[in-house]
Amino acid sequence: MIVLEDILRDRGSRYAAAVGPVQSRAEIDAFLAALRSRRKFAKATHHSWAAFLSGDGPLKGDDGEAGAGAVILKMLEREGLADHIVVVTRWYGGVHLGGDRFAHVVTCTRAALAAVRP
């Protein structure tokens, strides 16, 4: 698991990303549980994620950040990165970001993908 903390901040919200190999729904669940077990990440508001599994196809979860999982999944598919999960974590800062939150999800996903590229 590669964790990139404090990728960006905007109006009180903070963002981080995590990426790692997974090959099943059980491994996705274990990855998310391991991330949430970290004290700092346990307090986060949202853990949006996506994975494209060779055997099962696309899977995603918004965790209350509507549409974020689809954004991450689209980027994974475009990159051709199978059997990996990308999680974008947000600590809500009290101000709604509107459409800017999607730009932040993209920024965090790019950082995660860059961390696993050869």
PDB file of N, CA and C in Angstrom:
ATOM      1  N   MET A   1       0.850  -1.182   0.000  1.00  0.00           N
ATOM      2  CA  MET A   1       0.000   0.000   0.000  1.00  0.00           C
ATOM      3  C   MET A   1       0.893   1.242   0.000  1.00  0.00           C
ATOM      4  N   ILE A   2       0.644   2.098  -0.966  1.00  0.00           N
ATOM      5  CA  ILE A   2       1.324   3.393  -1.024  1.00  0.00           C
ATOM      6  C   ILE A   2       0.324   4.452  -0.594  1.00  0.00           C
ATOM      7  N   VAL A   3       0.670   5.233   0.397  1.00  0.00           N
ATOM      8  CA  VAL A   3      -0.213   6.286   0.900  1.00  0.00           C
ATOM      9  C   VAL A   3       0.452   7.634   0.671  1.00  0.00           C
ATOM     10  N   LEU A   4      -0.271   8.515   0.017  1.00  0.00           N
ATOM     11  CA  LEU A   4       0.205   9.875  -0.253  1.00  0.00           C
ATOM     12  C   LEU A   4      -0.655  10.824   0.562  1.00  0.00           C
ATOM     13  N   GLU A   5      -0.089  11.378   1.615  1.00  0.00           N
ATOM     14  CA  GLU A   5      -0.865  12.240   2.511  1.00  0.00           C
ATOM     15  C   GLU A   5      -0.770  13.699   2.098  1.00  0.00           C
ATOM     16  N   ASP A   6      -1.780  14.457   2.471  1.00  0.00           N
ATOM     17  CA  ASP A   6      -1.820  15.906   2.248  1.00  0.00           C
ATOM     18  C   ASP A   6      -1.447  16.305   0.821  1.00  0.00           C
ATOM     19  N   ILE A   7      -2.116  15.702  -0.141  1.00  0.00           N
ATOM     20  CA  ILE A   7      -1.867  16.045  -1.538  1.00  0.00           C
ATOM     21  C   ILE A   7      -2.323  17.468  -1.815  1.00  0.00           C
ATOM     22  N   LEU A   8      -3.475  17.829  -1.273  1.00  0.00           N
ATOM     23  CA  LEU A   8      -3.932  19.212  -1.445  1.00  0.00           C
ATOM     24  C   LEU A   8      -4.920  19.585  -0.360  1.00  0.00           C
ATOM     25  N   ARG A   9      -5.100  20.895  -0.228  1.00  0.00           N
ATOM     26  CA  ARG A   9      -6.057  21.468   0.726  1.00  0.00           C
ATOM     27  C   ARG A   9      -6.854  22.538   0.005  1.00  0.00           C
ATOM     28  N   ASP A  10      -8.138  22.616   0.323  1.00  0.00           N
ATOM     29  CA  ASP A  10      -8.997  23.630  -0.279  1.00  0.00           C
ATOM     30  C   ASP A  10     -10.134  23.954   0.688  1.00  0.00           C
ATOM     31  N   ARG A  11     -10.216  25.197   1.075  1.00  0.00           N
ATOM     32  CA  ARG A  11     -11.293  25.689   1.940  1.00  0.00           C
ATOM     33  C   ARG A  11     -11.540  24.797   3.155  1.00  0.00           C
ATOM     34  N   GLY A  12     -10.462  24.370   3.747  1.00  0.00           N
ATOM     35  CA  GLY A  12     -10.555  23.574   4.961  1.00  0.00           C
ATOM     36  C   GLY A  12     -10.550  22.067   4.735  1.00  0.00           C
ATOM     37  N   SER A  13     -10.910  21.614   3.537  1.00  0.00           N
ATOM     38  CA  SER A  13     -10.872  20.180   3.238  1.00  0.00           C
ATOM     39  C   SER A  13      -9.450  19.765   2.916  1.00  0.00           C
ATOM     40  N   ARG A  14      -9.107  18.547   3.326  1.00  0.00           N
ATOM     41  CA  ARG A  14      -7.795  17.974   3.029  1.00  0.00           C
ATOM     42  C   ARG A  14      -7.988  16.680   2.260  1.00  0.00           C
ATOM     43  N   TYR A  15      -7.060  16.395   1.366  1.00  0.00           N
ATOM     44  CA  TYR A  15      -7.140  15.207   0.519  1.00  0.00           C
ATOM     45  C   TYR A  15      -5.871  14.389   0.596  1.00  0.00           C
ATOM     46  N   ALA A  16      -6.042  13.079   0.494  1.00  0.00           N
ATOM     47  CA  ALA A  16      -4.937  12.131   0.417  1.00  0.00           C
ATOM     48  C   ALA A  16      -5.344  11.032  -0.563  1.00  0.00           C
ATOM     49  N   ALA A  17      -4.390  10.207  -0.943  1.00  0.00           N
ATOM     50  CA  ALA A  17      -4.684   9.083  -1.836  1.00  0.00           C
ATOM     51  C   ALA A  17      -3.883   7.873  -1.399  1.00  0.00           C
ATOM     52  N   ALA A  18      -4.413   6.708  -1.721  1.00  0.00           N
ATOM     53  CA  ALA A  18      -3.723   5.450  -1.460  1.00  0.00           C
ATOM     54  C   ALA A  18      -3.920   4.560  -2.679  1.00  0.00           C
ATOM     55  N   VAL A  19      -2.939   3.734  -2.957  1.00  0.00           N
ATOM     56  CA  VAL A  19      -3.003   2.834  -4.104  1.00  0.00           C
ATOM     57  C   VAL A  19      -2.275   1.545  -3.753  1.00  0.00           C
ATOM     58  N   GLY A  20      -2.760   0.454  -4.315  1.00  0.00           N
ATOM     59  CA  GLY A  20      -2.106  -0.821  -4.082  1.00  0.00           C
ATOM     60  C   GLY A  20      -2.733  -1.924  -4.903  1.00  0.00           C
ATOM     61  N   PRO A  21      -2.061  -3.056  -5.004  1.00  0.00           N
ATOM     62  CA  PRO A  21      -2.581  -4.185  -5.778  1.00  0.00           C
ATOM     63  C   PRO A  21      -3.703  -4.912  -5.039  1.00  0.00           C
ATOM     64  N   VAL A  22      -4.717  -5.312  -5.786  1.00  0.00           N
ATOM     65  CA  VAL A  22      -5.820  -6.130  -5.278  1.00  0.00           C
ATOM     66  C   VAL A  22      -6.260  -7.065  -6.404  1.00  0.00           C
ATOM     67  N   GLN A  23      -6.786  -8.234  -6.030  1.00  0.00           N
ATOM     68  CA  GLN A  23      -7.232  -9.177  -7.055  1.00  0.00           C
ATOM     69  C   GLN A  23      -8.630  -9.718  -6.806  1.00  0.00           C
ATOM     70  N   SER A  24      -9.288  -9.253  -5.742  1.00  0.00           N
ATOM     71  CA  SER A  24     -10.637  -9.738  -5.441  1.00  0.00           C
ATOM     72  C   SER A  24     -11.372  -8.709  -4.595  1.00  0.00           C
ATOM     73  N   ARG A  25     -12.676  -8.922  -4.465  1.00  0.00           N
ATOM     74  CA  ARG A  25     -13.463  -8.025  -3.611  1.00  0.00           C
ATOM     75  C   ARG A  25     -13.000  -8.137  -2.160  1.00  0.00           C
ATOM     76  N   ALA A  26     -12.615  -9.336  -1.749  1.00  0.00           N
ATOM     77  CA  ALA A  26     -12.125  -9.522  -0.375  1.00  0.00           C
ATOM     78  C   ALA A  26     -10.845  -8.715  -0.139  1.00  0.00           C
ATOM     79  N   GLU A  27      -9.962  -8.671  -1.136  1.00  0.00           N
ATOM     80  CA  GLU A  27      -8.736  -7.886  -0.993  1.00  0.00           C
ATOM     81  C   GLU A  27      -9.039  -6.387  -0.991  1.00  0.00           C
ATOM     82  N   ILE A  28     -10.051  -5.972  -1.744  1.00  0.00           N
ATOM     83  CA  ILE A  28     -10.483  -4.568  -1.711  1.00  0.00           C
ATOM     84  C   ILE A  28     -10.957  -4.216  -0.304  1.00  0.00           C
ATOM     85  N   ASP A  29     -11.811  -5.070   0.253  1.00  0.00           N
ATOM     86  CA  ASP A  29     -12.323  -4.826   1.603  1.00  0.00           C
ATOM     87  C   ASP A  29     -11.187  -4.779   2.631  1.00  0.00           C
ATOM     88  N   ALA A  30     -10.205  -5.668   2.483  1.00  0.00           N
ATOM     89  CA  ALA A  30      -9.070  -5.695   3.406  1.00  0.00           C
ATOM     90  C   ALA A  30      -8.219  -4.427   3.246  1.00  0.00           C
ATOM     91  N   PHE A  31      -8.033  -3.964   2.011  1.00  0.00           N
ATOM     92  CA  PHE A  31      -7.270  -2.739   1.753  1.00  0.00           C
ATOM     93  C   PHE A  31      -7.957  -1.552   2.414  1.00  0.00           C
ATOM     94  N   LEU A  32      -9.273  -1.435   2.216  1.00  0.00           N
ATOM     95  CA  LEU A  32     -10.023  -0.329   2.817  1.00  0.00           C
ATOM     96  C   LEU A  32      -9.981  -0.394   4.342  1.00  0.00           C
ATOM     97  N   ALA A  33     -10.095  -1.608   4.892  1.00  0.00           N
ATOM     98  CA  ALA A  33     -10.045  -1.769   6.347  1.00  0.00           C
ATOM     99  C   ALA A  33      -8.670  -1.378   6.895  1.00  0.00           C
ATOM    100  N   ALA A  34      -7.610  -1.771   6.182  1.00  0.00           N
ATOM    101  CA  ALA A  34      -6.258  -1.412   6.620  1.00  0.00           C
ATOM    102  C   ALA A  34      -6.054   0.095   6.578  1.00  0.00           C
ATOM    103  N   LEU A  35      -6.578   0.740   5.545  1.00  0.00           N
ATOM    104  CA  LEU A  35      -6.451   2.198   5.449  1.00  0.00           C
ATOM    105  C   LEU A  35      -7.216   2.878   6.576  1.00  0.00           C
ATOM    106  N   ARG A  36      -8.445   2.419   6.809  1.00  0.00           N
ATOM    107  CA  ARG A  36      -9.276   3.016   7.864  1.00  0.00           C
ATOM    108  C   ARG A  36      -8.747   2.713   9.262  1.00  0.00           C
ATOM    109  N   SER A  37      -7.894   1.709   9.390  1.00  0.00           N
ATOM    110  CA  SER A  37      -7.349   1.380  10.709  1.00  0.00           C
ATOM    111  C   SER A  37      -6.248   2.357  11.128  1.00  0.00           C
ATOM    112  N   ARG A  38      -5.741   3.109  10.182  1.00  0.00           N
ATOM    113  CA  ARG A  38      -4.758   4.150  10.519  1.00  0.00           C
ATOM    114  C   ARG A  38      -5.493   5.272  11.231  1.00  0.00           C
ATOM    115  N   ARG A  39      -4.960   5.709  12.339  1.00  0.00           N
ATOM    116  CA  ARG A  39      -5.642   6.691  13.194  1.00  0.00           C
ATOM    117  C   ARG A  39      -6.119   7.914  12.399  1.00  0.00           C
ATOM    118  N   LYS A  40      -5.246   8.496  11.614  1.00  0.00           N
ATOM    119  CA  LYS A  40      -5.600   9.695  10.853  1.00  0.00           C
ATOM    120  C   LYS A  40      -6.730   9.410   9.858  1.00  0.00           C
ATOM    121  N   PHE A  41      -6.651   8.280   9.166  1.00  0.00           N
ATOM    122  CA  PHE A  41      -7.631   7.951   8.135  1.00  0.00           C
ATOM    123  C   PHE A  41      -8.958   7.500   8.733  1.00  0.00           C
ATOM    124  N   ALA A  42      -8.935   7.019   9.947  1.00  0.00           N
ATOM    125  CA  ALA A  42     -10.176   6.623  10.616  1.00  0.00           C
ATOM    126  C   ALA A  42     -11.097   7.820  10.822  1.00  0.00           C
ATOM    127  N   LYS A  43     -10.513   9.013  10.926  1.00  0.00           N
ATOM    128  CA  LYS A  43     -11.290  10.225  11.174  1.00  0.00           C
ATOM    129  C   LYS A  43     -11.742  10.915   9.889  1.00  0.00           C
ATOM    130  N   ALA A  44     -11.397  10.370   8.725  1.00  0.00           N
ATOM    131  CA  ALA A  44     -11.754  10.998   7.452  1.00  0.00           C
ATOM    132  C   ALA A  44     -13.260  10.919   7.199  1.00  0.00           C
ATOM    133  N   THR A  45     -13.746  11.852   6.400  1.00  0.00           N
ATOM    134  CA  THR A  45     -15.169  11.918   6.069  1.00  0.00           C
ATOM    135  C   THR A  45     -15.529  10.959   4.945  1.00  0.00           C
ATOM    136  N   HIS A  46     -14.684  10.871   3.915  1.00  0.00           N
ATOM    137  CA  HIS A  46     -14.970  10.047   2.733  1.00  0.00           C
ATOM    138  C   HIS A  46     -13.732   9.269   2.310  1.00  0.00           C
ATOM    139  N   HIS A  47     -13.960   8.026   1.893  1.00  0.00           N
ATOM    140  CA  HIS A  47     -12.935   7.182   1.270  1.00  0.00           C
ATOM    141  C   HIS A  47     -13.522   6.699  -0.054  1.00  0.00           C
ATOM    142  N   SER A  48     -13.432   7.499  -1.094  1.00  0.00           N
ATOM    143  CA  SER A  48     -13.939   7.119  -2.413  1.00  0.00           C
ATOM    144  C   SER A  48     -12.891   6.236  -3.085  1.00  0.00           C
ATOM    145  N   TRP A  49     -13.341   5.210  -3.795  1.00  0.00           N
ATOM    146  CA  TRP A  49     -12.383   4.261  -4.349  1.00  0.00           C
ATOM    147  C   TRP A  49     -12.894   3.645  -5.645  1.00  0.00           C
ATOM    148  N   ALA A  50     -11.970   3.042  -6.376  1.00  0.00           N
ATOM    149  CA  ALA A  50     -12.311   2.263  -7.562  1.00  0.00           C
ATOM    150  C   ALA A  50     -11.200   1.260  -7.826  1.00  0.00           C
ATOM    151  N   ALA A  51     -11.588   0.157  -8.467  1.00  0.00           N
ATOM    152  CA  ALA A  51     -10.635  -0.869  -8.875  1.00  0.00           C
ATOM    153  C   ALA A  51     -11.183  -1.536 -10.126  1.00  0.00           C
ATOM    154  N   PHE A  52     -10.289  -1.948 -11.002  1.00  0.00           N
ATOM    155  CA  PHE A  52     -10.683  -2.732 -12.168  1.00  0.00           C
ATOM    156  C   PHE A  52      -9.986  -4.070 -12.050  1.00  0.00           C
ATOM    157  N   LEU A  53     -10.774  -5.099 -11.708  1.00  0.00           N
ATOM    158  CA  LEU A  53     -10.219  -6.426 -11.487  1.00  0.00           C
ATOM    159  C   LEU A  53     -10.279  -7.241 -12.771  1.00  0.00           C
ATOM    160  N   SER A  54      -9.191  -7.908 -13.089  1.00  0.00           N
ATOM    161  CA  SER A  54      -9.142  -8.706 -14.320  1.00  0.00           C
ATOM    162  C   SER A  54     -10.285  -9.709 -14.396  1.00  0.00           C
ATOM    163  N   GLY A  55     -10.602 -10.347 -13.274  1.00  0.00           N
ATOM    164  CA  GLY A  55     -11.643 -11.365 -13.280  1.00  0.00           C
ATOM    165  C   GLY A  55     -13.053 -10.837 -13.080  1.00  0.00           C
ATOM    166  N   ASP A  56     -13.211  -9.749 -12.350  1.00  0.00           N
ATOM    167  CA  ASP A  56     -14.537  -9.271 -11.972  1.00  0.00           C
ATOM    168  C   ASP A  56     -14.947  -7.967 -12.642  1.00  0.00           C
ATOM    169  N   GLY A  57     -14.036  -7.305 -13.309  1.00  0.00           N
ATOM    170  CA  GLY A  57     -14.365  -6.044 -13.961  1.00  0.00           C
ATOM    171  C   GLY A  57     -14.314  -4.876 -12.999  1.00  0.00           C
ATOM    172  N   PRO A  58     -15.059  -3.812 -13.329  1.00  0.00           N
ATOM    173  CA  PRO A  58     -14.973  -2.579 -12.537  1.00  0.00           C
ATOM    174  C   PRO A  58     -15.791  -2.641 -11.250  1.00  0.00           C
ATOM    175  N   LEU A  59     -15.216  -2.091 -10.193  1.00  0.00           N
ATOM    176  CA  LEU A  59     -15.894  -1.947  -8.905  1.00  0.00           C
ATOM    177  C   LEU A  59     -15.564  -0.552  -8.386  1.00  0.00           C
ATOM    178  N   LYS A  60     -16.519   0.064  -7.696  1.00  0.00           N
ATOM    179  CA  LYS A  60     -16.264   1.405  -7.168  1.00  0.00           C
ATOM    180  C   LYS A  60     -17.142   1.671  -5.966  1.00  0.00           C
ATOM    181  N   GLY A  61     -16.739   2.664  -5.190  1.00  0.00           N
ATOM    182  CA  GLY A  61     -17.517   3.090  -4.039  1.00  0.00           C
ATOM    183  C   GLY A  61     -17.311   4.573  -3.809  1.00  0.00           C
ATOM    184  N   ASP A  62     -18.402   5.295  -3.595  1.00  0.00           N
ATOM    185  CA  ASP A  62     -18.324   6.741  -3.410  1.00  0.00           C
ATOM    186  C   ASP A  62     -18.162   7.139  -1.944  1.00  0.00           C
ATOM    187  N   ASP A  63     -18.647   6.325  -1.032  1.00  0.00           N
ATOM    188  CA  ASP A  63     -18.572   6.622   0.404  1.00  0.00           C
ATOM    189  C   ASP A  63     -19.076   8.032   0.720  1.00  0.00           C
ATOM    190  N   GLY A  64     -20.225   8.379   0.128  1.00  0.00           N
ATOM    191  CA  GLY A  64     -20.860   9.661   0.416  1.00  0.00           C
ATOM    192  C   GLY A  64     -20.395  10.813  -0.457  1.00  0.00           C
ATOM    193  N   GLU A  65     -19.403  10.591  -1.290  1.00  0.00           N
ATOM    194  CA  GLU A  65     -18.886  11.630  -2.200  1.00  0.00           C
ATOM    195  C   GLU A  65     -19.386  11.278  -3.603  1.00  0.00           C
ATOM    196  N   ALA A  66     -20.654  11.565  -3.871  1.00  0.00           N
ATOM    197  CA  ALA A  66     -21.348  11.116  -5.076  1.00  0.00           C
ATOM    198  C   ALA A  66     -20.561  11.388  -6.354  1.00  0.00           C
ATOM    199  N   GLY A  67     -20.342  10.333  -7.124  1.00  0.00           N
ATOM    200  CA  GLY A  67     -19.672  10.434  -8.412  1.00  0.00           C
ATOM    201  C   GLY A  67     -18.168  10.289  -8.364  1.00  0.00           C
ATOM    202  N   ALA A  68     -17.573  10.328  -7.191  1.00  0.00           N
ATOM    203  CA  ALA A  68     -16.105  10.280  -7.087  1.00  0.00           C
ATOM    204  C   ALA A  68     -15.555   8.921  -7.528  1.00  0.00           C
ATOM    205  N   GLY A  69     -16.218   7.840  -7.161  1.00  0.00           N
ATOM    206  CA  GLY A  69     -15.752   6.509  -7.554  1.00  0.00           C
ATOM    207  C   GLY A  69     -15.721   6.349  -9.066  1.00  0.00           C
ATOM    208  N   ALA A  70     -16.723   6.913  -9.750  1.00  0.00           N
ATOM    209  CA  ALA A  70     -16.772   6.831 -11.212  1.00  0.00           C
ATOM    210  C   ALA A  70     -15.617   7.598 -11.849  1.00  0.00           C
ATOM    211  N   VAL A  71     -15.246   8.725 -11.272  1.00  0.00           N
ATOM    212  CA  VAL A  71     -14.113   9.516 -11.781  1.00  0.00           C
ATOM    213  C   VAL A  71     -12.821   8.705 -11.648  1.00  0.00           C
ATOM    214  N   ILE A  72     -12.621   8.094 -10.493  1.00  0.00           N
ATOM    215  CA  ILE A  72     -11.414   7.294 -10.265  1.00  0.00           C
ATOM    216  C   ILE A  72     -11.390   6.109 -11.225  1.00  0.00           C
ATOM    217  N   LEU A  73     -12.527   5.424 -11.381  1.00  0.00           N
ATOM    218  CA  LEU A  73     -12.608   4.259 -12.257  1.00  0.00           C
ATOM    219  C   LEU A  73     -12.282   4.629 -13.696  1.00  0.00           C
ATOM    220  N   LYS A  74     -12.813   5.730 -14.167  1.00  0.00           N
ATOM    221  CA  LYS A  74     -12.544   6.168 -15.538  1.00  0.00           C
ATOM    222  C   LYS A  74     -11.045   6.377 -15.756  1.00  0.00           C
ATOM    223  N   MET A  75     -10.385   6.970 -14.768  1.00  0.00           N
ATOM    224  CA  MET A  75      -8.946   7.207 -14.890  1.00  0.00           C
ATOM    225  C   MET A  75      -8.154   5.895 -14.853  1.00  0.00           C
ATOM    226  N   LEU A  76      -8.574   4.942 -14.023  1.00  0.00           N
ATOM    227  CA  LEU A  76      -7.928   3.628 -13.981  1.00  0.00           C
ATOM    228  C   LEU A  76      -8.057   2.924 -15.319  1.00  0.00           C
ATOM    229  N   GLU A  77      -9.264   2.952 -15.883  1.00  0.00           N
ATOM    230  CA  GLU A  77      -9.503   2.296 -17.163  1.00  0.00           C
ATOM    231  C   GLU A  77      -8.681   2.952 -18.268  1.00  0.00           C
ATOM    232  N   ARG A  78      -8.638   4.275 -18.283  1.00  0.00           N
ATOM    233  CA  ARG A  78      -7.868   4.998 -19.293  1.00  0.00           C
ATOM    234  C   ARG A  78      -6.380   4.658 -19.187  1.00  0.00           C
ATOM    235  N   GLU A  79      -5.905   4.488 -17.968  1.00  0.00           N
ATOM    236  CA  GLU A  79      -4.500   4.164 -17.728  1.00  0.00           C
ATOM    237  C   GLU A  79      -4.207   2.690 -18.010  1.00  0.00           C
ATOM    238  N   GLY A  80      -5.257   1.859 -18.043  1.00  0.00           N
ATOM    239  CA  GLY A  80      -5.069   0.427 -18.272  1.00  0.00           C
ATOM    240  C   GLY A  80      -4.479  -0.287 -17.076  1.00  0.00           C
ATOM    241  N   LEU A  81      -4.752   0.243 -15.879  1.00  0.00           N
ATOM    242  CA  LEU A  81      -4.184  -0.327 -14.656  1.00  0.00           C
ATOM    243  C   LEU A  81      -5.196  -1.275 -14.013  1.00  0.00           C
ATOM    244  N   ALA A  82      -5.022  -2.554 -14.290  1.00  0.00           N
ATOM    245  CA  ALA A  82      -5.917  -3.564 -13.717  1.00  0.00           C
ATOM    246  C   ALA A  82      -5.336  -4.083 -12.407  1.00  0.00           C
ATOM    247  N   ASP A  83      -6.224  -4.658 -11.610  1.00  0.00           N
ATOM    248  CA  ASP A  83      -5.844  -5.308 -10.354  1.00  0.00           C
ATOM    249  C   ASP A  83      -5.143  -4.379  -9.371  1.00  0.00           C
ATOM    250  N   HIS A  84      -5.582  -3.131  -9.349  1.00  0.00           N
ATOM    251  CA  HIS A  84      -5.127  -2.133  -8.383  1.00  0.00           C
ATOM    252  C   HIS A  84      -6.338  -1.337  -7.895  1.00  0.00           C
ATOM    253  N   ILE A  85      -6.240  -0.864  -6.680  1.00  0.00           N
ATOM    254  CA  ILE A  85      -7.260   0.013  -6.121  1.00  0.00           C
ATOM    255  C   ILE A  85      -6.643   1.390  -5.900  1.00  0.00           C
ATOM    256  N   VAL A  86      -7.437   2.419  -6.168  1.00  0.00           N
ATOM    257  CA  VAL A  86      -7.063   3.780  -5.822  1.00  0.00           C
ATOM    258  C   VAL A  86      -8.146   4.301  -4.881  1.00  0.00           C
ATOM    259  N   VAL A  87      -7.727   4.845  -3.755  1.00  0.00           N
ATOM    260  CA  VAL A  87      -8.634   5.421  -2.770  1.00  0.00           C
ATOM    261  C   VAL A  87      -8.280   6.895  -2.618  1.00  0.00           C
ATOM    262  N   VAL A  88      -9.288   7.749  -2.760  1.00  0.00           N
ATOM    263  CA  VAL A  88      -9.104   9.176  -2.506  1.00  0.00           C
ATOM    264  C   VAL A  88      -9.845   9.487  -1.210  1.00  0.00           C
ATOM    265  N   THR A  89      -9.115   9.976  -0.243  1.00  0.00           N
ATOM    266  CA  THR A  89      -9.669  10.257   1.084  1.00  0.00           C
ATOM    267  C   THR A  89      -9.829  11.765   1.248  1.00  0.00           C
ATOM    268  N   ARG A  90     -10.974  12.149   1.818  1.00  0.00           N
ATOM    269  CA  ARG A  90     -11.234  13.569   2.077  1.00  0.00           C
ATOM    270  C   ARG A  90     -11.643  13.763   3.524  1.00  0.00           C
ATOM    271  N   TRP A  91     -11.034  14.757   4.134  1.00  0.00           N
ATOM    272  CA  TRP A  91     -11.461  15.240   5.434  1.00  0.00           C
ATOM    273  C   TRP A  91     -12.222  16.529   5.158  1.00  0.00           C
ATOM    274  N   TYR A  92     -13.519  16.500   5.367  1.00  0.00           N
ATOM    275  CA  TYR A  92     -14.376  17.652   5.052  1.00  0.00           C
ATOM    276  C   TYR A  92     -14.048  18.817   5.968  1.00  0.00           C
ATOM    277  N   GLY A  93     -13.884  19.986   5.360  1.00  0.00           N
ATOM    278  CA  GLY A  93     -13.470  21.168   6.112  1.00  0.00           C
ATOM    279  C   GLY A  93     -14.582  22.122   6.459  1.00  0.00           C
ATOM    280  N   GLY A  94     -15.840  21.759   6.191  1.00  0.00           N
ATOM    281  CA  GLY A  94     -16.956  22.607   6.576  1.00  0.00           C
ATOM    282  C   GLY A  94     -17.511  23.482   5.471  1.00  0.00           C
ATOM    283  N   VAL A  95     -16.860  23.500   4.302  1.00  0.00           N
ATOM    284  CA  VAL A  95     -17.326  24.311   3.183  1.00  0.00           C
ATOM    285  C   VAL A  95     -17.558  23.393   1.988  1.00  0.00           C
ATOM    286  N   HIS A  96     -18.752  23.467   1.397  1.00  0.00           N
ATOM    287  CA  HIS A  96     -19.038  22.675   0.196  1.00  0.00           C
ATOM    288  C   HIS A  96     -18.184  23.182  -0.956  1.00  0.00           C
ATOM    289  N   LEU A  97     -17.558  22.255  -1.684  1.00  0.00           N
ATOM    290  CA  LEU A  97     -16.647  22.619  -2.757  1.00  0.00           C
ATOM    291  C   LEU A  97     -17.300  22.583  -4.135  1.00  0.00           C
ATOM    292  N   GLY A  98     -18.521  22.076  -4.210  1.00  0.00           N
ATOM    293  CA  GLY A  98     -19.190  22.001  -5.504  1.00  0.00           C
ATOM    294  C   GLY A  98     -18.396  21.144  -6.470  1.00  0.00           C
ATOM    295  N   GLY A  99     -18.334  21.573  -7.718  1.00  0.00           N
ATOM    296  CA  GLY A  99     -17.633  20.821  -8.753  1.00  0.00           C
ATOM    297  C   GLY A  99     -16.130  20.753  -8.565  1.00  0.00           C
ATOM    298  N   ASP A 100     -15.574  21.634  -7.748  1.00  0.00           N
ATOM    299  CA  ASP A 100     -14.124  21.601  -7.506  1.00  0.00           C
ATOM    300  C   ASP A 100     -13.683  20.284  -6.885  1.00  0.00           C
ATOM    301  N   ARG A 101     -14.587  19.619  -6.189  1.00  0.00           N
ATOM    302  CA  ARG A 101     -14.202  18.359  -5.553  1.00  0.00           C
ATOM    303  C   ARG A 101     -13.814  17.315  -6.586  1.00  0.00           C
ATOM    304  N   PHE A 102     -14.430  17.366  -7.784  1.00  0.00           N
ATOM    305  CA  PHE A 102     -14.057  16.413  -8.832  1.00  0.00           C
ATOM    306  C   PHE A 102     -12.646  16.696  -9.344  1.00  0.00           C
ATOM    307  N   ALA A 103     -12.303  17.965  -9.469  1.00  0.00           N
ATOM    308  CA  ALA A 103     -10.933  18.317  -9.866  1.00  0.00           C
ATOM    309  C   ALA A 103      -9.939  17.810  -8.825  1.00  0.00           C
ATOM    310  N   HIS A 104     -10.306  17.860  -7.570  1.00  0.00           N
ATOM    311  CA  HIS A 104      -9.420  17.375  -6.504  1.00  0.00           C
ATOM    312  C   HIS A 104      -9.295  15.853  -6.537  1.00  0.00           C
ATOM    313  N   VAL A 105     -10.386  15.159  -6.853  1.00  0.00           N
ATOM    314  CA  VAL A 105     -10.331  13.702  -6.997  1.00  0.00           C
ATOM    315  C   VAL A 105      -9.393  13.340  -8.146  1.00  0.00           C
ATOM    316  N   VAL A 106      -9.483  14.075  -9.248  1.00  0.00           N
ATOM    317  CA  VAL A 106      -8.594  13.838 -10.391  1.00  0.00           C
ATOM    318  C   VAL A 106      -7.140  14.063 -10.001  1.00  0.00           C
ATOM    319  N   THR A 107      -6.857  15.154  -9.306  1.00  0.00           N
ATOM    320  CA  THR A 107      -5.482  15.459  -8.878  1.00  0.00           C
ATOM    321  C   THR A 107      -4.931  14.345  -7.994  1.00  0.00           C
ATOM    322  N   CYS A 108      -5.729  13.887  -7.050  1.00  0.00           N
ATOM    323  CA  CYS A 108      -5.284  12.828  -6.136  1.00  0.00           C
ATOM    324  C   CYS A 108      -5.090  11.508  -6.878  1.00  0.00           C
ATOM    325  N   THR A 109      -5.988  11.191  -7.796  1.00  0.00           N
ATOM    326  CA  THR A 109      -5.868   9.951  -8.561  1.00  0.00           C
ATOM    327  C   THR A 109      -4.620   9.991  -9.436  1.00  0.00           C
ATOM    328  N   ARG A 110      -4.353  11.123 -10.062  1.00  0.00           N
ATOM    329  CA  ARG A 110      -3.120  11.255 -10.865  1.00  0.00           C
ATOM    330  C   ARG A 110      -1.877  11.003 -10.012  1.00  0.00           C
ATOM    331  N   ALA A 111      -1.870  11.550  -8.814  1.00  0.00           N
ATOM    332  CA  ALA A 111      -0.727  11.360  -7.910  1.00  0.00           C
ATOM    333  C   ALA A 111      -0.569   9.887  -7.564  1.00  0.00           C
ATOM    334  N   ALA A 112      -1.677   9.208  -7.295  1.00  0.00           N
ATOM    335  CA  ALA A 112      -1.630   7.772  -6.960  1.00  0.00           C
ATOM    336  C   ALA A 112      -1.138   6.951  -8.145  1.00  0.00           C
ATOM    337  N   LEU A 113      -1.643   7.256  -9.332  1.00  0.00           N
ATOM    338  CA  LEU A 113      -1.212   6.526 -10.527  1.00  0.00           C
ATOM    339  C   LEU A 113       0.269   6.758 -10.809  1.00  0.00           C
ATOM    340  N   ALA A 114       0.736   7.963 -10.595  1.00  0.00           N
ATOM    341  CA  ALA A 114       2.148   8.270 -10.809  1.00  0.00           C
ATOM    342  C   ALA A 114       3.029   7.480  -9.834  1.00  0.00           C
ATOM    343  N   ALA A 115       2.509   7.194  -8.657  1.00  0.00           N
ATOM    344  CA  ALA A 115       3.279   6.467  -7.637  1.00  0.00           C
ATOM    345  C   ALA A 115       3.486   4.992  -8.003  1.00  0.00           C
ATOM    346  N   VAL A 116       2.631   4.440  -8.868  1.00  0.00           N
ATOM    347  CA  VAL A 116       2.757   3.021  -9.229  1.00  0.00           C
ATOM    348  C   VAL A 116       3.249   2.796 -10.647  1.00  0.00           C
ATOM    349  N   ARG A 117       3.402   3.872 -11.410  1.00  0.00           N
ATOM    350  CA  ARG A 117       3.913   3.709 -12.792  1.00  0.00           C
ATOM    351  C   ARG A 117       5.378   3.315 -12.744  1.00  0.00           C
ATOM    352  N   PRO A 118       5.759   2.431 -13.649  1.00  0.00           N
ATOM    353  CA  PRO A 118       7.181   2.020 -13.699  1.00  0.00           C
ATOM    354  C   PRO A 118       8.079   3.138 -14.176  1.00  0.00           C
TER     355      PRO A 118
END
